[in-house]
PDB file of N, CA and C in Angstrom:
ATOM      1  N   MET A   1      96.577  15.892-106.780  1.00  0.00           N
ATOM      2  CA  MET A   1      95.573  15.334-107.650  1.00  0.00           C
ATOM      3  C   MET A   1      94.487  16.354-107.958  1.00  0.00           C
ATOM      4  N   ALA A   2      94.076  17.064-106.913  1.00  0.00           N
ATOM      5  CA  ALA A   2      93.017  18.057-107.100  1.00  0.00           C
ATOM      6  C   ALA A   2      93.510  19.226-107.947  1.00  0.00           C
ATOM      7  N   THR A   3      94.778  19.618-107.760  1.00  0.00           N
ATOM      8  CA  THR A   3      95.285  20.744-108.544  1.00  0.00           C
ATOM      9  C   THR A   3      95.428  20.378-110.014  1.00  0.00           C
ATOM     10  N   SER A   4      95.821  19.137-110.315  1.00  0.00           N
ATOM     11  CA  SER A   4      95.934  18.745-111.718  1.00  0.00           C
ATOM     12  C   SER A   4      94.555  18.680-112.381  1.00  0.00           C
ATOM     13  N   ALA A   5      93.533  18.238-111.637  1.00  0.00           N
ATOM     14  CA  ALA A   5      92.181  18.211-112.186  1.00  0.00           C
ATOM     15  C   ALA A   5      91.683  19.635-112.427  1.00  0.00           C
ATOM     16  N   LEU A   6      92.012  20.550-111.516  1.00  0.00           N
ATOM     17  CA  LEU A   6      91.610  21.946-111.677  1.00  0.00           C
ATOM     18  C   LEU A   6      92.311  22.571-112.882  1.00  0.00           C
ATOM     19  N   ARG A   7      93.602  22.281-113.044  1.00  0.00           N
ATOM     20  CA  ARG A   7      94.336  22.810-114.191  1.00  0.00           C
ATOM     21  C   ARG A   7      93.771  22.279-115.505  1.00  0.00           C
ATOM     22  N   LEU A   8      93.447  20.986-115.540  1.00  0.00           N
ATOM     23  CA  LEU A   8      92.896  20.390-116.750  1.00  0.00           C
ATOM     24  C   LEU A   8      91.553  21.006-117.103  1.00  0.00           C
ATOM     25  N   SER A   9      90.672  21.168-116.118  1.00  0.00           N
ATOM     26  CA  SER A   9      89.361  21.752-116.410  1.00  0.00           C
ATOM     27  C   SER A   9      89.490  23.214-116.819  1.00  0.00           C
ATOM     28  N   LEU A  10      90.411  23.943-116.214  1.00  0.00           N
ATOM     29  CA  LEU A  10      90.628  25.344-116.584  1.00  0.00           C
ATOM     30  C   LEU A  10      91.180  25.442-117.998  1.00  0.00           C
ATOM     31  N   ARG A  11      92.102  24.549-118.364  1.00  0.00           N
ATOM     32  CA  ARG A  11      92.672  24.543-119.710  1.00  0.00           C
ATOM     33  C   ARG A  11      91.599  24.230-120.753  1.00  0.00           C
ATOM     34  N   LEU A  12      90.746  23.244-120.475  1.00  0.00           N
ATOM     35  CA  LEU A  12      89.678  22.910-121.416  1.00  0.00           C
ATOM     36  C   LEU A  12      88.687  24.064-121.551  1.00  0.00           C
ATOM     37  N   PHE A  13      88.390  24.751-120.455  1.00  0.00           N
ATOM     38  CA  PHE A  13      87.455  25.874-120.507  1.00  0.00           C
ATOM     39  C   PHE A  13      88.030  27.013-121.335  1.00  0.00           C
ATOM     40  N   THR A  14      89.304  27.350-121.144  1.00  0.00           N
ATOM     41  CA  THR A  14      89.887  28.471-121.893  1.00  0.00           C
ATOM     42  C   THR A  14      90.042  28.119-123.364  1.00  0.00           C
ATOM     43  N   GLN A  15      90.321  26.850-123.707  1.00  0.00           N
ATOM     44  CA  GLN A  15      90.413  26.464-125.114  1.00  0.00           C
ATOM     45  C   GLN A  15      89.057  26.572-125.795  1.00  0.00           C
ATOM     46  N   ASN A  16      88.006  26.094-125.134  1.00  0.00           N
ATOM     47  CA  ASN A  16      86.670  26.162-125.718  1.00  0.00           C
ATOM     48  C   ASN A  16      86.199  27.599-125.840  1.00  0.00           C
ATOM     49  N   ALA A  17      86.488  28.430-124.862  1.00  0.00           N
ATOM     50  CA  ALA A  17      86.083  29.834-124.922  1.00  0.00           C
ATOM     51  C   ALA A  17      86.827  30.544-126.037  1.00  0.00           C
ATOM     52  N   GLY A  18      88.093  30.190-126.238  1.00  0.00           N
ATOM     53  CA  GLY A  18      88.865  30.794-127.319  1.00  0.00           C
ATOM     54  C   GLY A  18      88.329  30.394-128.679  1.00  0.00           C
ATOM     55  N   LYS A  19      87.928  29.146-128.852  1.00  0.00           N
ATOM     56  CA  LYS A  19      87.386  28.685-130.132  1.00  0.00           C
ATOM     57  C   LYS A  19      86.039  29.337-130.414  1.00  0.00           C
ATOM     58  N   MET A  20      85.216  29.492-129.383  1.00  0.00           N
ATOM     59  CA  MET A  20      83.890  30.049-129.591  1.00  0.00           C
ATOM     60  C   MET A  20      83.936  31.544-129.877  1.00  0.00           C
ATOM     61  N   SER A  21      84.903  32.261-129.297  1.00  0.00           N
ATOM     62  CA  SER A  21      84.910  33.712-129.430  1.00  0.00           C
ATOM     63  C   SER A  21      85.749  34.201-130.602  1.00  0.00           C
ATOM     64  N   ARG A  22      86.417  33.333-131.343  1.00  0.00           N
ATOM     65  CA  ARG A  22      87.285  33.790-132.430  1.00  0.00           C
ATOM     66  C   ARG A  22      86.510  34.348-133.606  1.00  0.00           C
ATOM     67  N   ASN A  23      85.403  33.763-133.952  1.00  0.00           N
ATOM     68  CA  ASN A  23      84.697  34.161-135.165  1.00  0.00           C
ATOM     69  C   ASN A  23      83.481  35.034-134.895  1.00  0.00           C
ATOM     70  N   ILE A  24      83.281  35.464-133.665  1.00  0.00           N
ATOM     71  CA  ILE A  24      82.100  36.254-133.335  1.00  0.00           C
ATOM     72  C   ILE A  24      82.291  37.709-133.726  1.00  0.00           C
ATOM     73  N   GLY A  25      83.398  38.289-133.381  1.00  0.00           N
ATOM     74  CA  GLY A  25      83.600  39.693-133.709  1.00  0.00           C
ATOM     75  C   GLY A  25      84.838  40.234-133.018  1.00  0.00           C
ATOM     76  N   PRO A  26      85.062  41.537-133.121  1.00  0.00           N
ATOM     77  CA  PRO A  26      86.265  42.114-132.507  1.00  0.00           C
ATOM     78  C   PRO A  26      86.151  42.165-130.988  1.00  0.00           C
ATOM     79  N   LYS A  27      86.848  41.285-130.342  1.00  0.00           N
ATOM     80  CA  LYS A  27      86.922  41.254-128.881  1.00  0.00           C
ATOM     81  C   LYS A  27      88.378  41.144-128.493  1.00  0.00           C
ATOM     82  N   THR A  28      88.650  41.241-127.225  1.00  0.00           N
ATOM     83  CA  THR A  28      90.019  41.054-126.772  1.00  0.00           C
ATOM     84  C   THR A  28      90.381  39.586-126.917  1.00  0.00           C
ATOM     85  N   PRO A  29      91.585  39.286-127.352  1.00  0.00           N
ATOM     86  CA  PRO A  29      91.953  37.888-127.569  1.00  0.00           C
ATOM     87  C   PRO A  29      92.025  37.119-126.257  1.00  0.00           C
ATOM     88  N   ASN A  30      91.556  35.895-126.291  1.00  0.00           N
ATOM     89  CA  ASN A  30      91.541  35.030-125.125  1.00  0.00           C
ATOM     90  C   ASN A  30      92.577  33.927-125.329  1.00  0.00           C
ATOM     91  N   ILE A  31      93.833  34.338-125.576  1.00  0.00           N
ATOM     92  CA  ILE A  31      94.901  33.400-125.882  1.00  0.00           C
ATOM     93  C   ILE A  31      95.897  33.402-124.728  1.00  0.00           C
ATOM     94  N   SER A  32      96.332  32.227-124.326  1.00  0.00           N
ATOM     95  CA  SER A  32      97.309  32.165-123.247  1.00  0.00           C
ATOM     96  C   SER A  32      98.658  32.667-123.742  1.00  0.00           C
ATOM     97  N   ARG A  33      99.517  33.063-122.829  1.00  0.00           N
ATOM     98  CA  ARG A  33     100.802  33.655-123.176  1.00  0.00           C
ATOM     99  C   ARG A  33     101.890  32.618-123.438  1.00  0.00           C
ATOM    100  N   SER A  34     101.639  31.341-123.205  1.00  0.00           N
ATOM    101  CA  SER A  34     102.690  30.345-123.326  1.00  0.00           C
ATOM    102  C   SER A  34     103.064  30.086-124.781  1.00  0.00           C
ATOM    103  N   THR A  35     102.200  29.481-125.554  1.00  0.00           N
ATOM    104  CA  THR A  35     102.492  29.221-126.959  1.00  0.00           C
ATOM    105  C   THR A  35     101.267  29.563-127.783  1.00  0.00           C
ATOM    106  N   LEU A  36     101.532  30.128-128.953  1.00  0.00           N
ATOM    107  CA  LEU A  36     100.440  30.450-129.853  1.00  0.00           C
ATOM    108  C   LEU A  36     100.425  29.420-130.972  1.00  0.00           C
ATOM    109  N   ASN A  37      99.305  28.771-131.149  1.00  0.00           N
ATOM    110  CA  ASN A  37      99.156  27.846-132.254  1.00  0.00           C
ATOM    111  C   ASN A  37      97.779  28.027-132.857  1.00  0.00           C
ATOM    112  N   ARG A  38      97.647  27.629-134.080  1.00  0.00           N
ATOM    113  CA  ARG A  38      96.391  27.815-134.796  1.00  0.00           C
ATOM    114  C   ARG A  38      95.586  26.538-134.694  1.00  0.00           C
ATOM    115  N   THR A  39      94.474  26.593-133.970  1.00  0.00           N
ATOM    116  CA  THR A  39      93.653  25.406-133.794  1.00  0.00           C
ATOM    117  C   THR A  39      92.383  25.467-134.619  1.00  0.00           C
ATOM    118  N   VAL A  40      91.963  26.643-135.060  1.00  0.00           N
ATOM    119  CA  VAL A  40      90.739  26.780-135.826  1.00  0.00           C
ATOM    120  C   VAL A  40      91.099  26.769-137.305  1.00  0.00           C
ATOM    121  N   VAL A  41      90.513  25.865-138.070  1.00  0.00           N
ATOM    122  CA  VAL A  41      90.813  25.761-139.492  1.00  0.00           C
ATOM    123  C   VAL A  41      89.609  26.087-140.354  1.00  0.00           C
ATOM    124  N   SER A  42      88.455  26.370-139.732  1.00  0.00           N
ATOM    125  CA  SER A  42      87.276  26.708-140.515  1.00  0.00           C
ATOM    126  C   SER A  42      86.509  27.826-139.828  1.00  0.00           C
ATOM    127  N   THR A  43      85.709  28.523-140.605  1.00  0.00           N
ATOM    128  CA  THR A  43      84.885  29.592-140.058  1.00  0.00           C
ATOM    129  C   THR A  43      83.609  29.002-139.488  1.00  0.00           C
ATOM    130  N   ALA A  44      82.767  29.859-138.923  1.00  0.00           N
ATOM    131  CA  ALA A  44      81.514  29.391-138.342  1.00  0.00           C
ATOM    132  C   ALA A  44      80.575  28.846-139.410  1.00  0.00           C
ATOM    133  N   SER A  45      80.683  29.344-140.644  1.00  0.00           N
ATOM    134  CA  SER A  45      79.815  28.867-141.723  1.00  0.00           C
ATOM    135  C   SER A  45      80.317  27.566-142.343  1.00  0.00           C
ATOM    136  N   GLY A  46      81.546  27.151-142.019  1.00  0.00           N
ATOM    137  CA  GLY A  46      82.084  25.901-142.521  1.00  0.00           C
ATOM    138  C   GLY A  46      83.145  26.067-143.585  1.00  0.00           C
ATOM    139  N   ALA A  47      83.454  27.297-143.966  1.00  0.00           N
ATOM    140  CA  ALA A  47      84.482  27.527-144.981  1.00  0.00           C
ATOM    141  C   ALA A  47      85.865  27.289-144.381  1.00  0.00           C
ATOM    142  N   ILE A  48      86.752  26.729-145.183  1.00  0.00           N
ATOM    143  CA  ILE A  48      88.113  26.453-144.721  1.00  0.00           C
ATOM    144  C   ILE A  48      88.939  27.722-144.844  1.00  0.00           C
ATOM    145  N   LEU A  49      89.650  28.053-143.784  1.00  0.00           N
ATOM    146  CA  LEU A  49      90.500  29.243-143.789  1.00  0.00           C
ATOM    147  C   LEU A  49      91.725  29.011-144.659  1.00  0.00           C
ATOM    148  N   PRO A  50      92.258  30.067-145.297  1.00  0.00           N
ATOM    149  CA  PRO A  50      93.461  29.887-146.122  1.00  0.00           C
ATOM    150  C   PRO A  50      94.683  29.623-145.252  1.00  0.00           C
ATOM    151  N   LYS A  51      95.728  29.071-145.879  1.00  0.00           N
ATOM    152  CA  LYS A  51      96.962  28.819-145.147  1.00  0.00           C
ATOM    153  C   LYS A  51      97.580  30.137-144.709  1.00  0.00           C
ATOM    154  N   PRO A  52      98.233  30.161-143.552  1.00  0.00           N
ATOM    155  CA  PRO A  52      98.919  31.378-143.125  1.00  0.00           C
ATOM    156  C   PRO A  52     100.080  31.695-144.063  1.00  0.00           C
ATOM    157  N   ASP A  53     100.392  32.977-144.198  1.00  0.00           N
ATOM    158  CA  ASP A  53     101.509  33.383-145.041  1.00  0.00           C
ATOM    159  C   ASP A  53     102.821  32.935-144.424  1.00  0.00           C
ATOM    160  N   LYS A  54     103.698  32.406-145.260  1.00  0.00           N
ATOM    161  CA  LYS A  54     105.008  31.963-144.804  1.00  0.00           C
ATOM    162  C   LYS A  54     106.060  32.806-145.501  1.00  0.00           C
ATOM    163  N   THR A  55     106.870  33.487-144.732  1.00  0.00           N
ATOM    164  CA  THR A  55     107.913  34.323-145.297  1.00  0.00           C
ATOM    165  C   THR A  55     109.196  33.515-145.367  1.00  0.00           C
ATOM    166  N   PRO A  56     109.688  33.244-146.583  1.00  0.00           N
ATOM    167  CA  PRO A  56     110.937  32.490-146.683  1.00  0.00           C
ATOM    168  C   PRO A  56     112.123  33.347-146.241  1.00  0.00           C
ATOM    169  N   PHE A  57     112.992  32.788-145.455  1.00  0.00           N
ATOM    170  CA  PHE A  57     114.159  33.517-144.955  1.00  0.00           C
ATOM    171  C   PHE A  57     115.378  32.672-145.249  1.00  0.00           C
ATOM    172  N   GLY A  58     115.878  32.811-146.463  1.00  0.00           N
ATOM    173  CA  GLY A  58     116.961  31.961-146.915  1.00  0.00           C
ATOM    174  C   GLY A  58     118.323  32.438-146.476  1.00  0.00           C
ATOM    175  N   LEU A  59     119.303  31.673-146.858  1.00  0.00           N
ATOM    176  CA  LEU A  59     120.684  31.958-146.505  1.00  0.00           C
ATOM    177  C   LEU A  59     121.176  33.241-147.167  1.00  0.00           C
ATOM    178  N   ILE A  60     120.700  33.529-148.364  1.00  0.00           N
ATOM    179  CA  ILE A  60     121.141  34.745-149.059  1.00  0.00           C
ATOM    180  C   ILE A  60     120.636  35.988-148.337  1.00  0.00           C
ATOM    181  N   ARG A  61     119.365  35.990-147.931  1.00  0.00           N
ATOM    182  CA  ARG A  61     118.827  37.143-147.206  1.00  0.00           C
ATOM    183  C   ARG A  61     119.548  37.343-145.877  1.00  0.00           C
ATOM    184  N   MET A  62     119.827  36.259-145.199  1.00  0.00           N
ATOM    185  CA  MET A  62     120.519  36.365-143.923  1.00  0.00           C
ATOM    186  C   MET A  62     121.926  36.929-144.119  1.00  0.00           C
ATOM    187  N   THR A  63     122.612  36.499-145.163  1.00  0.00           N
ATOM    188  CA  THR A  63     123.958  36.992-145.452  1.00  0.00           C
ATOM    189  C   THR A  63     123.933  38.474-145.803  1.00  0.00           C
ATOM    190  N   VAL A  64     122.939  38.900-146.577  1.00  0.00           N
ATOM    191  CA  VAL A  64     122.817  40.303-146.969  1.00  0.00           C
ATOM    192  C   VAL A  64     122.608  41.197-145.753  1.00  0.00           C
ATOM    193  N   VAL A  65     121.975  40.689-144.723  1.00  0.00           N
ATOM    194  CA  VAL A  65     121.741  41.485-143.519  1.00  0.00           C
ATOM    195  C   VAL A  65     122.942  41.432-142.575  1.00  0.00           C
ATOM    196  N   VAL A  66     123.522  40.265-142.361  1.00  0.00           N
ATOM    197  CA  VAL A  66     124.548  40.094-141.333  1.00  0.00           C
ATOM    198  C   VAL A  66     125.892  40.692-141.733  1.00  0.00           C
ATOM    199  N   VAL A  67     126.343  40.460-142.955  1.00  0.00           N
ATOM    200  CA  VAL A  67     127.693  40.871-143.358  1.00  0.00           C
ATOM    201  C   VAL A  67     127.901  42.385-143.279  1.00  0.00           C
ATOM    202  N   PRO A  68     127.000  43.226-143.798  1.00  0.00           N
ATOM    203  CA  PRO A  68     127.241  44.674-143.675  1.00  0.00           C
ATOM    204  C   PRO A  68     127.287  45.156-142.231  1.00  0.00           C
ATOM    205  N   PHE A  69     126.437  44.613-141.363  1.00  0.00           N
ATOM    206  CA  PHE A  69     126.442  45.052-139.972  1.00  0.00           C
ATOM    207  C   PHE A  69     127.708  44.590-139.249  1.00  0.00           C
ATOM    208  N   LEU A  70     128.216  43.408-139.578  1.00  0.00           N
ATOM    209  CA  LEU A  70     129.494  42.984-138.998  1.00  0.00           C
ATOM    210  C   LEU A  70     130.626  43.901-139.452  1.00  0.00           C
ATOM    211  N   TYR A  71     130.617  44.280-140.725  1.00  0.00           N
ATOM    212  CA  TYR A  71     131.652  45.156-141.255  1.00  0.00           C
ATOM    213  C   TYR A  71     131.589  46.537-140.600  1.00  0.00           C
ATOM    214  N   VAL A  72     130.407  47.102-140.475  1.00  0.00           N
ATOM    215  CA  VAL A  72     130.258  48.413-139.826  1.00  0.00           C
ATOM    216  C   VAL A  72     130.678  48.327-138.364  1.00  0.00           C
ATOM    217  N   GLY A  73     130.354  47.234-137.694  1.00  0.00           N
ATOM    218  CA  GLY A  73     130.756  47.067-136.295  1.00  0.00           C
ATOM    219  C   GLY A  73     132.259  46.995-136.131  1.00  0.00           C
ATOM    220  N   THR A  74     132.934  46.310-137.042  1.00  0.00           N
ATOM    221  CA  THR A  74     134.400  46.249-136.940  1.00  0.00           C
ATOM    222  C   THR A  74     135.027  47.608-137.232  1.00  0.00           C
ATOM    223  N   LEU A  75     134.458  48.381-138.160  1.00  0.00           N
ATOM    224  CA  LEU A  75     134.991  49.720-138.426  1.00  0.00           C
ATOM    225  C   LEU A  75     134.834  50.631-137.214  1.00  0.00           C
ATOM    226  N   ILE A  76     133.672  50.566-136.574  1.00  0.00           N
ATOM    227  CA  ILE A  76     133.442  51.405-135.392  1.00  0.00           C
ATOM    228  C   ILE A  76     134.396  51.017-134.274  1.00  0.00           C
ATOM    229  N   SER A  77     134.566  49.734-134.022  1.00  0.00           N
ATOM    230  CA  SER A  77     135.444  49.312-132.928  1.00  0.00           C
ATOM    231  C   SER A  77     136.900  49.645-133.220  1.00  0.00           C
ATOM    232  N   LYS A  78     137.321  49.529-134.478  1.00  0.00           N
ATOM    233  CA  LYS A  78     138.697  49.864-134.837  1.00  0.00           C
ATOM    234  C   LYS A  78     138.957  51.358-134.644  1.00  0.00           C
ATOM    235  N   ASN A  79     138.020  52.196-135.081  1.00  0.00           N
ATOM    236  CA  ASN A  79     138.180  53.642-134.919  1.00  0.00           C
ATOM    237  C   ASN A  79     138.149  54.054-133.450  1.00  0.00           C
ATOM    238  N   PHE A  80     137.302  53.415-132.653  1.00  0.00           N
ATOM    239  CA  PHE A  80     137.231  53.760-131.237  1.00  0.00           C
ATOM    240  C   PHE A  80     138.493  53.321-130.500  1.00  0.00           C
ATOM    241  N   ALA A  81     139.051  52.172-130.878  1.00  0.00           N
ATOM    242  CA  ALA A  81     140.305  51.723-130.260  1.00  0.00           C
ATOM    243  C   ALA A  81     141.446  52.675-130.612  1.00  0.00           C
ATOM    244  N   ALA A  82     141.469  53.176-131.848  1.00  0.00           N
ATOM    245  CA  ALA A  82     142.499  54.147-132.241  1.00  0.00           C
ATOM    246  C   ALA A  82     142.336  55.448-131.479  1.00  0.00           C
ATOM    247  N   LEU A  83     141.095  55.873-131.251  1.00  0.00           N
ATOM    248  CA  LEU A  83     140.835  57.102-130.484  1.00  0.00           C
ATOM    249  C   LEU A  83     141.300  56.955-129.036  1.00  0.00           C
ATOM    250  N   LEU A  84     141.034  55.810-128.425  1.00  0.00           N
ATOM    251  CA  LEU A  84     141.470  55.582-127.049  1.00  0.00           C
ATOM    252  C   LEU A  84     142.991  55.564-126.952  1.00  0.00           C
ATOM    253  N   GLU A  85     143.643  54.961-127.909  1.00  0.00           N
ATOM    254  CA  GLU A  85     145.096  54.901-127.890  1.00  0.00           C
ATOM    255  C   GLU A  85     145.703  56.282-128.148  1.00  0.00           C
ATOM    256  N   GLU A  86     145.068  57.095-128.988  1.00  0.00           N
ATOM    257  CA  GLU A  86     145.564  58.437-129.296  1.00  0.00           C
ATOM    258  C   GLU A  86     145.528  59.335-128.068  1.00  0.00           C
ATOM    259  N   HIS A  87     144.502  59.201-127.254  1.00  0.00           N
ATOM    260  CA  HIS A  87     144.357  60.033-126.055  1.00  0.00           C
ATOM    261  C   HIS A  87     144.954  59.372-124.812  1.00  0.00           C
ATOM    262  N   ASP A  88     145.679  58.307-124.993  1.00  0.00           N
ATOM    263  CA  ASP A  88     146.326  57.569-123.899  1.00  0.00           C
ATOM    264  C   ASP A  88     145.345  57.178-122.794  1.00  0.00           C
ATOM    265  N   ILE A  89     144.156  56.838-123.168  1.00  0.00           N
ATOM    266  CA  ILE A  89     143.155  56.381-122.189  1.00  0.00           C
ATOM    267  C   ILE A  89     143.375  54.907-121.901  1.00  0.00           C
ATOM    268  N   PHE A  90     143.564  54.137-122.907  1.00  0.00           N
ATOM    269  CA  PHE A  90     143.836  52.723-122.724  1.00  0.00           C
ATOM    270  C   PHE A  90     144.966  52.342-123.670  1.00  0.00           C
ATOM    271  N   VAL A  91     146.136  52.242-123.122  1.00  0.00           N
ATOM    272  CA  VAL A  91     147.300  51.854-123.908  1.00  0.00           C
ATOM    273  C   VAL A  91     147.943  50.673-123.204  1.00  0.00           C
ATOM    274  N   PRO A  92     147.992  49.526-123.834  1.00  0.00           N
ATOM    275  CA  PRO A  92     148.637  48.381-123.183  1.00  0.00           C
ATOM    276  C   PRO A  92     150.142  48.619-123.069  1.00  0.00           C
ATOM    277  N   GLU A  93     150.668  48.219-121.923  1.00  0.00           N
ATOM    278  CA  GLU A  93     152.102  48.392-121.697  1.00  0.00           C
ATOM    279  C   GLU A  93     152.867  47.215-122.307  1.00  0.00           C
ATOM    280  N   ASP A  94     154.018  47.506-122.838  1.00  0.00           N
ATOM    281  CA  ASP A  94     154.865  46.457-123.412  1.00  0.00           C
ATOM    282  C   ASP A  94     155.851  45.972-122.358  1.00  0.00           C
ATOM    283  N   ASP A  95     155.459  44.986-121.603  1.00  0.00           N
ATOM    284  CA  ASP A  95     156.316  44.421-120.576  1.00  0.00           C
ATOM    285  C   ASP A  95     157.032  43.211-121.160  1.00  0.00           C
ATOM    286  N   ASP A  96     158.331  43.237-121.063  1.00  0.00           N
ATOM    287  CA  ASP A  96     159.117  42.086-121.484  1.00  0.00           C
ATOM    288  C   ASP A  96     159.425  41.239-120.265  1.00  0.00           C
ATOM    289  N   ASP A  97     158.895  40.069-120.228  1.00  0.00           N
ATOM    290  CA  ASP A  97     159.095  39.172-119.092  1.00  0.00           C
ATOM    291  C   ASP A  97     160.156  38.130-119.458  1.00  0.00           C
ATOM    292  N   ASP A  98     161.342  38.603-119.645  1.00  0.00           N
ATOM    293  CA  ASP A  98     162.453  37.690-119.942  1.00  0.00           C
ATOM    294  C   ASP A  98     163.198  37.400-118.650  1.00  0.00           C
ATOM    295  N   ASP A  99     162.820  36.359-117.986  1.00  0.00           N
ATOM    296  CA  ASP A  99     163.464  36.010-116.721  1.00  0.00           C
ATOM    297  C   ASP A  99     164.606  35.069-116.915  1.00  0.00           C
TER     298      ASP A  99
END
């Protein structure tokens, strides 16, 4: 019970300190490492802050990035497998198990 009360008071203190120190000036950030969320929506003078920038990441952009790297990866692995087989480093044996 005492530890939960201590955690709650510590959490409230760090949240209030973070809100008070955000608009004062360049200081080290007082943000916990767990999750980052935006709780301040206005400046000290009362002006509303603009919306954060949102970068759209659609299916086309993802395809343009993933497909070439998959293709290059398959080319590298195919060439390396041919090199290993050429130097007899890794050659699977053809065992016929006809019992």
